[in-house]
Amino acid sequence: MRIKQFLLRIRLLIPIRNGDGKIKMTRSEFISEIENLLEIDTGSLTGETLLHNIERWDSLAVVGFIAMVDENLGFTPSPKKITGSETIEDLVKIAGSHLEG
């Protein structure tokens, strides 16, 4: 197992929480988690990136995205909203108020 994947799995097992017990994650951390999920280079995604242009964005990535959001933000996003998304920004909007800053 690669070190990056190992560290990601550890991080997913021990989420960072703020004072009120909610998991905290910024917009940029959220996008970075999507990059980790898709196993693509950090910094390669922007809000304007079209999902259909990402080779690894497929049905398995959607399932992984649901698990990532549930694990990191504490809610299960609607699969319908995810599959209706066209850009990374659309995925960020799904997380909405669960993100900081």
N, C-alpha and C. Protein backbone atom coordinates (compact mmCIF):
# COMPACT_ATOMS: atom_id res chain seq x y z
N MET A 1 0.85 -1.18 0.00
CA MET A 1 0.00 0.00 0.00
C MET A 1 0.89 1.24 0.00
N ARG A 2 0.56 2.18 -0.84
CA ARG A 2 1.36 3.40 -0.89
C ARG A 2 1.17 4.21 0.38
N ILE A 3 2.18 4.96 0.76
CA ILE A 3 2.15 5.75 1.99
C ILE A 3 1.00 6.76 1.96
N LYS A 4 0.79 7.42 0.82
CA LYS A 4 -0.28 8.42 0.71
C LYS A 4 -1.63 7.79 1.00
N GLN A 5 -1.89 6.61 0.44
CA GLN A 5 -3.16 5.92 0.68
C GLN A 5 -3.28 5.52 2.15
N PHE A 6 -2.20 5.04 2.72
CA PHE A 6 -2.20 4.65 4.12
C PHE A 6 -2.53 5.83 5.02
N LEU A 7 -1.88 6.97 4.77
CA LEU A 7 -2.13 8.15 5.58
C LEU A 7 -3.55 8.65 5.40
N LEU A 8 -4.08 8.58 4.19
CA LEU A 8 -5.47 8.97 3.94
C LEU A 8 -6.41 8.09 4.76
N ARG A 9 -6.17 6.79 4.76
CA ARG A 9 -7.05 5.89 5.51
C ARG A 9 -6.98 6.18 7.00
N ILE A 10 -5.80 6.48 7.52
CA ILE A 10 -5.69 6.84 8.93
C ILE A 10 -6.48 8.11 9.20
N ARG A 11 -6.34 9.09 8.31
CA ARG A 11 -7.05 10.36 8.49
C ARG A 11 -8.56 10.16 8.46
N LEU A 12 -9.03 9.26 7.60
CA LEU A 12 -10.47 9.00 7.54
C LEU A 12 -10.96 8.31 8.81
N LEU A 13 -10.09 7.55 9.45
CA LEU A 13 -10.48 6.86 10.68
C LEU A 13 -10.50 7.79 11.88
N ILE A 14 -9.74 8.89 11.82
CA ILE A 14 -9.65 9.82 12.93
C ILE A 14 -9.99 11.22 12.42
N PRO A 15 -11.28 11.51 12.22
CA PRO A 15 -11.66 12.82 11.70
C PRO A 15 -11.35 13.94 12.69
N ILE A 16 -11.05 15.10 12.17
CA ILE A 16 -10.76 16.28 12.99
C ILE A 16 -12.08 16.96 13.30
N ARG A 17 -12.36 17.20 14.56
CA ARG A 17 -13.62 17.82 14.96
C ARG A 17 -13.35 19.16 15.62
N ASN A 18 -14.31 20.08 15.46
CA ASN A 18 -14.17 21.37 16.12
C ASN A 18 -14.84 21.29 17.50
N GLY A 19 -14.95 22.42 18.20
CA GLY A 19 -15.44 22.45 19.57
C GLY A 19 -16.84 21.93 19.78
N ASP A 20 -17.72 22.05 18.78
CA ASP A 20 -19.09 21.59 18.96
C ASP A 20 -19.28 20.13 18.52
N GLY A 21 -18.18 19.43 18.26
CA GLY A 21 -18.24 18.03 17.91
C GLY A 21 -18.42 17.74 16.44
N LYS A 22 -18.63 18.78 15.63
CA LYS A 22 -18.79 18.56 14.19
C LYS A 22 -17.43 18.42 13.52
N ILE A 23 -17.40 17.64 12.46
CA ILE A 23 -16.17 17.46 11.71
C ILE A 23 -15.91 18.74 10.93
N LYS A 24 -14.66 19.19 10.91
CA LYS A 24 -14.36 20.42 10.19
C LYS A 24 -13.52 20.13 8.95
N MET A 25 -13.86 20.83 7.88
CA MET A 25 -13.14 20.68 6.62
C MET A 25 -13.39 21.94 5.81
N THR A 26 -12.33 22.47 5.23
CA THR A 26 -12.47 23.64 4.37
C THR A 26 -12.79 23.20 2.95
N ARG A 27 -13.14 24.17 2.12
CA ARG A 27 -13.43 23.90 0.71
C ARG A 27 -12.21 23.27 0.03
N SER A 28 -11.03 23.83 0.28
CA SER A 28 -9.82 23.30 -0.37
C SER A 28 -9.49 21.90 0.14
N GLU A 29 -9.72 21.63 1.42
CA GLU A 29 -9.51 20.28 1.95
C GLU A 29 -10.50 19.30 1.32
N PHE A 30 -11.72 19.76 1.10
CA PHE A 30 -12.75 18.93 0.48
C PHE A 30 -12.34 18.54 -0.94
N ILE A 31 -11.86 19.52 -1.70
CA ILE A 31 -11.41 19.25 -3.07
C ILE A 31 -10.19 18.33 -3.04
N SER A 32 -9.32 18.53 -2.07
CA SER A 32 -8.16 17.65 -1.92
C SER A 32 -8.59 16.21 -1.63
N GLU A 33 -9.64 16.05 -0.82
CA GLU A 33 -10.16 14.71 -0.54
C GLU A 33 -10.71 14.06 -1.81
N ILE A 34 -11.34 14.86 -2.67
CA ILE A 34 -11.83 14.33 -3.95
C ILE A 34 -10.64 13.87 -4.79
N GLU A 35 -9.57 14.67 -4.81
CA GLU A 35 -8.36 14.27 -5.54
C GLU A 35 -7.80 12.97 -5.00
N ASN A 36 -7.76 12.83 -3.67
CA ASN A 36 -7.28 11.59 -3.05
C ASN A 36 -8.17 10.42 -3.43
N LEU A 37 -9.47 10.64 -3.39
CA LEU A 37 -10.42 9.60 -3.75
C LEU A 37 -10.19 9.10 -5.17
N LEU A 38 -9.95 10.04 -6.08
CA LEU A 38 -9.76 9.72 -7.49
C LEU A 38 -8.32 9.34 -7.82
N GLU A 39 -7.44 9.43 -6.82
CA GLU A 39 -6.01 9.13 -6.97
C GLU A 39 -5.40 9.95 -8.11
N ILE A 40 -5.66 11.25 -8.05
CA ILE A 40 -5.06 12.17 -9.02
C ILE A 40 -4.22 13.19 -8.27
N ASP A 41 -3.33 13.87 -8.97
CA ASP A 41 -2.39 14.80 -8.35
C ASP A 41 -3.09 15.91 -7.59
N THR A 42 -2.56 16.20 -6.41
CA THR A 42 -3.05 17.30 -5.60
C THR A 42 -2.91 18.60 -6.37
N GLY A 43 -3.95 19.41 -6.34
CA GLY A 43 -3.94 20.69 -7.03
C GLY A 43 -4.40 20.62 -8.48
N SER A 44 -4.77 19.42 -8.93
CA SER A 44 -5.15 19.29 -10.34
C SER A 44 -6.63 19.61 -10.59
N LEU A 45 -7.44 19.66 -9.52
CA LEU A 45 -8.85 19.98 -9.68
C LEU A 45 -9.15 21.41 -9.25
N THR A 46 -10.06 22.04 -9.97
CA THR A 46 -10.59 23.35 -9.58
C THR A 46 -12.11 23.24 -9.58
N GLY A 47 -12.76 24.26 -9.09
CA GLY A 47 -14.21 24.26 -9.09
C GLY A 47 -14.81 24.12 -10.47
N GLU A 48 -14.08 24.61 -11.47
CA GLU A 48 -14.59 24.59 -12.85
C GLU A 48 -14.33 23.28 -13.58
N THR A 49 -13.57 22.38 -12.97
CA THR A 49 -13.26 21.10 -13.62
C THR A 49 -14.54 20.33 -13.90
N LEU A 50 -14.70 19.92 -15.15
CA LEU A 50 -15.88 19.14 -15.55
C LEU A 50 -15.68 17.68 -15.16
N LEU A 51 -16.66 17.12 -14.49
CA LEU A 51 -16.55 15.74 -14.02
C LEU A 51 -16.40 14.76 -15.17
N HIS A 52 -17.08 15.00 -16.28
CA HIS A 52 -16.98 14.05 -17.40
C HIS A 52 -15.59 14.06 -18.07
N ASN A 53 -14.76 15.06 -17.72
CA ASN A 53 -13.39 15.10 -18.23
C ASN A 53 -12.40 14.38 -17.32
N ILE A 54 -12.87 13.91 -16.18
CA ILE A 54 -12.01 13.19 -15.23
C ILE A 54 -12.17 11.70 -15.50
N GLU A 55 -11.11 11.09 -15.97
CA GLU A 55 -11.13 9.68 -16.37
C GLU A 55 -11.65 8.76 -15.26
N ARG A 56 -11.28 9.04 -14.03
CA ARG A 56 -11.63 8.16 -12.92
C ARG A 56 -13.01 8.45 -12.32
N TRP A 57 -13.72 9.46 -12.83
CA TRP A 57 -15.06 9.76 -12.30
C TRP A 57 -16.05 8.80 -12.96
N ASP A 58 -16.46 7.79 -12.20
CA ASP A 58 -17.39 6.77 -12.68
C ASP A 58 -18.30 6.38 -11.53
N SER A 59 -19.07 5.32 -11.71
CA SER A 59 -20.02 4.91 -10.67
C SER A 59 -19.33 4.53 -9.36
N LEU A 60 -18.15 3.93 -9.46
CA LEU A 60 -17.41 3.60 -8.24
C LEU A 60 -16.93 4.86 -7.52
N ALA A 61 -16.56 5.88 -8.29
CA ALA A 61 -16.14 7.14 -7.70
C ALA A 61 -17.33 7.80 -6.99
N VAL A 62 -18.52 7.67 -7.55
CA VAL A 62 -19.72 8.23 -6.90
C VAL A 62 -19.94 7.55 -5.55
N VAL A 63 -19.83 6.25 -5.51
CA VAL A 63 -19.97 5.51 -4.25
C VAL A 63 -18.89 5.94 -3.26
N GLY A 64 -17.65 6.07 -3.74
CA GLY A 64 -16.55 6.53 -2.90
C GLY A 64 -16.79 7.94 -2.39
N PHE A 65 -17.35 8.80 -3.24
CA PHE A 65 -17.65 10.19 -2.84
C PHE A 65 -18.69 10.19 -1.72
N ILE A 66 -19.72 9.37 -1.86
CA ILE A 66 -20.75 9.28 -0.81
C ILE A 66 -20.11 8.85 0.51
N ALA A 67 -19.27 7.84 0.46
CA ALA A 67 -18.59 7.35 1.67
C ALA A 67 -17.67 8.41 2.26
N MET A 68 -16.94 9.12 1.39
CA MET A 68 -16.02 10.16 1.85
C MET A 68 -16.78 11.29 2.55
N VAL A 69 -17.88 11.72 1.97
CA VAL A 69 -18.68 12.79 2.57
C VAL A 69 -19.27 12.31 3.90
N ASP A 70 -19.80 11.12 3.92
CA ASP A 70 -20.37 10.58 5.15
C ASP A 70 -19.32 10.50 6.25
N GLU A 71 -18.16 10.01 5.90
CA GLU A 71 -17.09 9.83 6.88
C GLU A 71 -16.51 11.16 7.36
N ASN A 72 -16.32 12.10 6.45
CA ASN A 72 -15.66 13.36 6.80
C ASN A 72 -16.61 14.46 7.27
N LEU A 73 -17.83 14.46 6.77
CA LEU A 73 -18.75 15.55 7.08
C LEU A 73 -19.97 15.12 7.86
N GLY A 74 -20.16 13.81 8.00
CA GLY A 74 -21.23 13.32 8.86
C GLY A 74 -22.62 13.31 8.27
N PHE A 75 -22.75 13.34 6.95
CA PHE A 75 -24.07 13.20 6.33
C PHE A 75 -23.92 12.43 5.03
N THR A 76 -25.02 11.86 4.58
CA THR A 76 -25.00 11.08 3.34
C THR A 76 -25.63 11.92 2.23
N PRO A 77 -24.84 12.29 1.24
CA PRO A 77 -25.38 13.11 0.14
C PRO A 77 -26.29 12.29 -0.77
N SER A 78 -27.18 12.98 -1.44
CA SER A 78 -28.11 12.34 -2.36
C SER A 78 -27.39 11.85 -3.62
N PRO A 79 -27.48 10.56 -3.93
CA PRO A 79 -26.87 10.07 -5.17
C PRO A 79 -27.40 10.80 -6.41
N LYS A 80 -28.68 11.19 -6.37
CA LYS A 80 -29.28 11.91 -7.49
C LYS A 80 -28.58 13.26 -7.72
N LYS A 81 -28.28 13.96 -6.61
CA LYS A 81 -27.58 15.25 -6.72
C LYS A 81 -26.17 15.04 -7.26
N ILE A 82 -25.53 13.99 -6.82
CA ILE A 82 -24.16 13.72 -7.27
C ILE A 82 -24.14 13.41 -8.76
N THR A 83 -25.00 12.51 -9.19
CA THR A 83 -25.01 12.14 -10.61
C THR A 83 -25.50 13.28 -11.49
N GLY A 84 -26.21 14.23 -10.90
CA GLY A 84 -26.66 15.41 -11.65
C GLY A 84 -25.61 16.51 -11.69
N SER A 85 -24.52 16.32 -10.97
CA SER A 85 -23.45 17.32 -10.92
C SER A 85 -22.62 17.30 -12.19
N GLU A 86 -22.19 18.47 -12.62
CA GLU A 86 -21.35 18.57 -13.82
C GLU A 86 -19.92 18.99 -13.51
N THR A 87 -19.72 19.71 -12.40
CA THR A 87 -18.40 20.24 -12.07
C THR A 87 -18.03 19.89 -10.62
N ILE A 88 -16.77 20.10 -10.31
CA ILE A 88 -16.30 19.95 -8.93
C ILE A 88 -17.06 20.93 -8.03
N GLU A 89 -17.31 22.14 -8.53
CA GLU A 89 -18.06 23.13 -7.75
C GLU A 89 -19.45 22.61 -7.38
N ASP A 90 -20.07 21.87 -8.27
CA ASP A 90 -21.37 21.27 -7.96
C ASP A 90 -21.25 20.31 -6.78
N LEU A 91 -20.15 19.55 -6.72
CA LEU A 91 -19.92 18.64 -5.59
C LEU A 91 -19.67 19.44 -4.31
N VAL A 92 -18.95 20.55 -4.42
CA VAL A 92 -18.72 21.42 -3.26
C VAL A 92 -20.06 21.95 -2.74
N LYS A 93 -20.95 22.32 -3.64
CA LYS A 93 -22.26 22.84 -3.24
C LYS A 93 -23.07 21.79 -2.50
N ILE A 94 -22.90 20.53 -2.85
CA ILE A 94 -23.58 19.46 -2.13
C ILE A 94 -23.16 19.45 -0.66
N ALA A 95 -21.87 19.68 -0.42
CA ALA A 95 -21.36 19.73 0.95
C ALA A 95 -21.84 20.99 1.66
N GLY A 96 -21.99 22.07 0.89
CA GLY A 96 -22.57 23.32 1.38
C GLY A 96 -22.14 23.78 2.74
N SER A 97 -23.11 23.87 3.63
CA SER A 97 -22.88 24.44 4.97
C SER A 97 -22.04 23.54 5.86
N HIS A 98 -21.74 22.33 5.41
CA HIS A 98 -20.91 21.44 6.20
C HIS A 98 -19.42 21.79 6.09
N LEU A 99 -19.10 22.68 5.16
CA LEU A 99 -17.71 23.11 5.00
C LEU A 99 -17.48 24.41 5.75
N GLU A 100 -16.26 24.60 6.21
CA GLU A 100 -15.87 25.84 6.86
C GLU A 100 -15.29 26.81 5.84
N GLY A 101 -15.46 28.07 6.11
CA GLY A 101 -14.84 29.11 5.28
C GLY A 101 -15.30 29.09 3.91
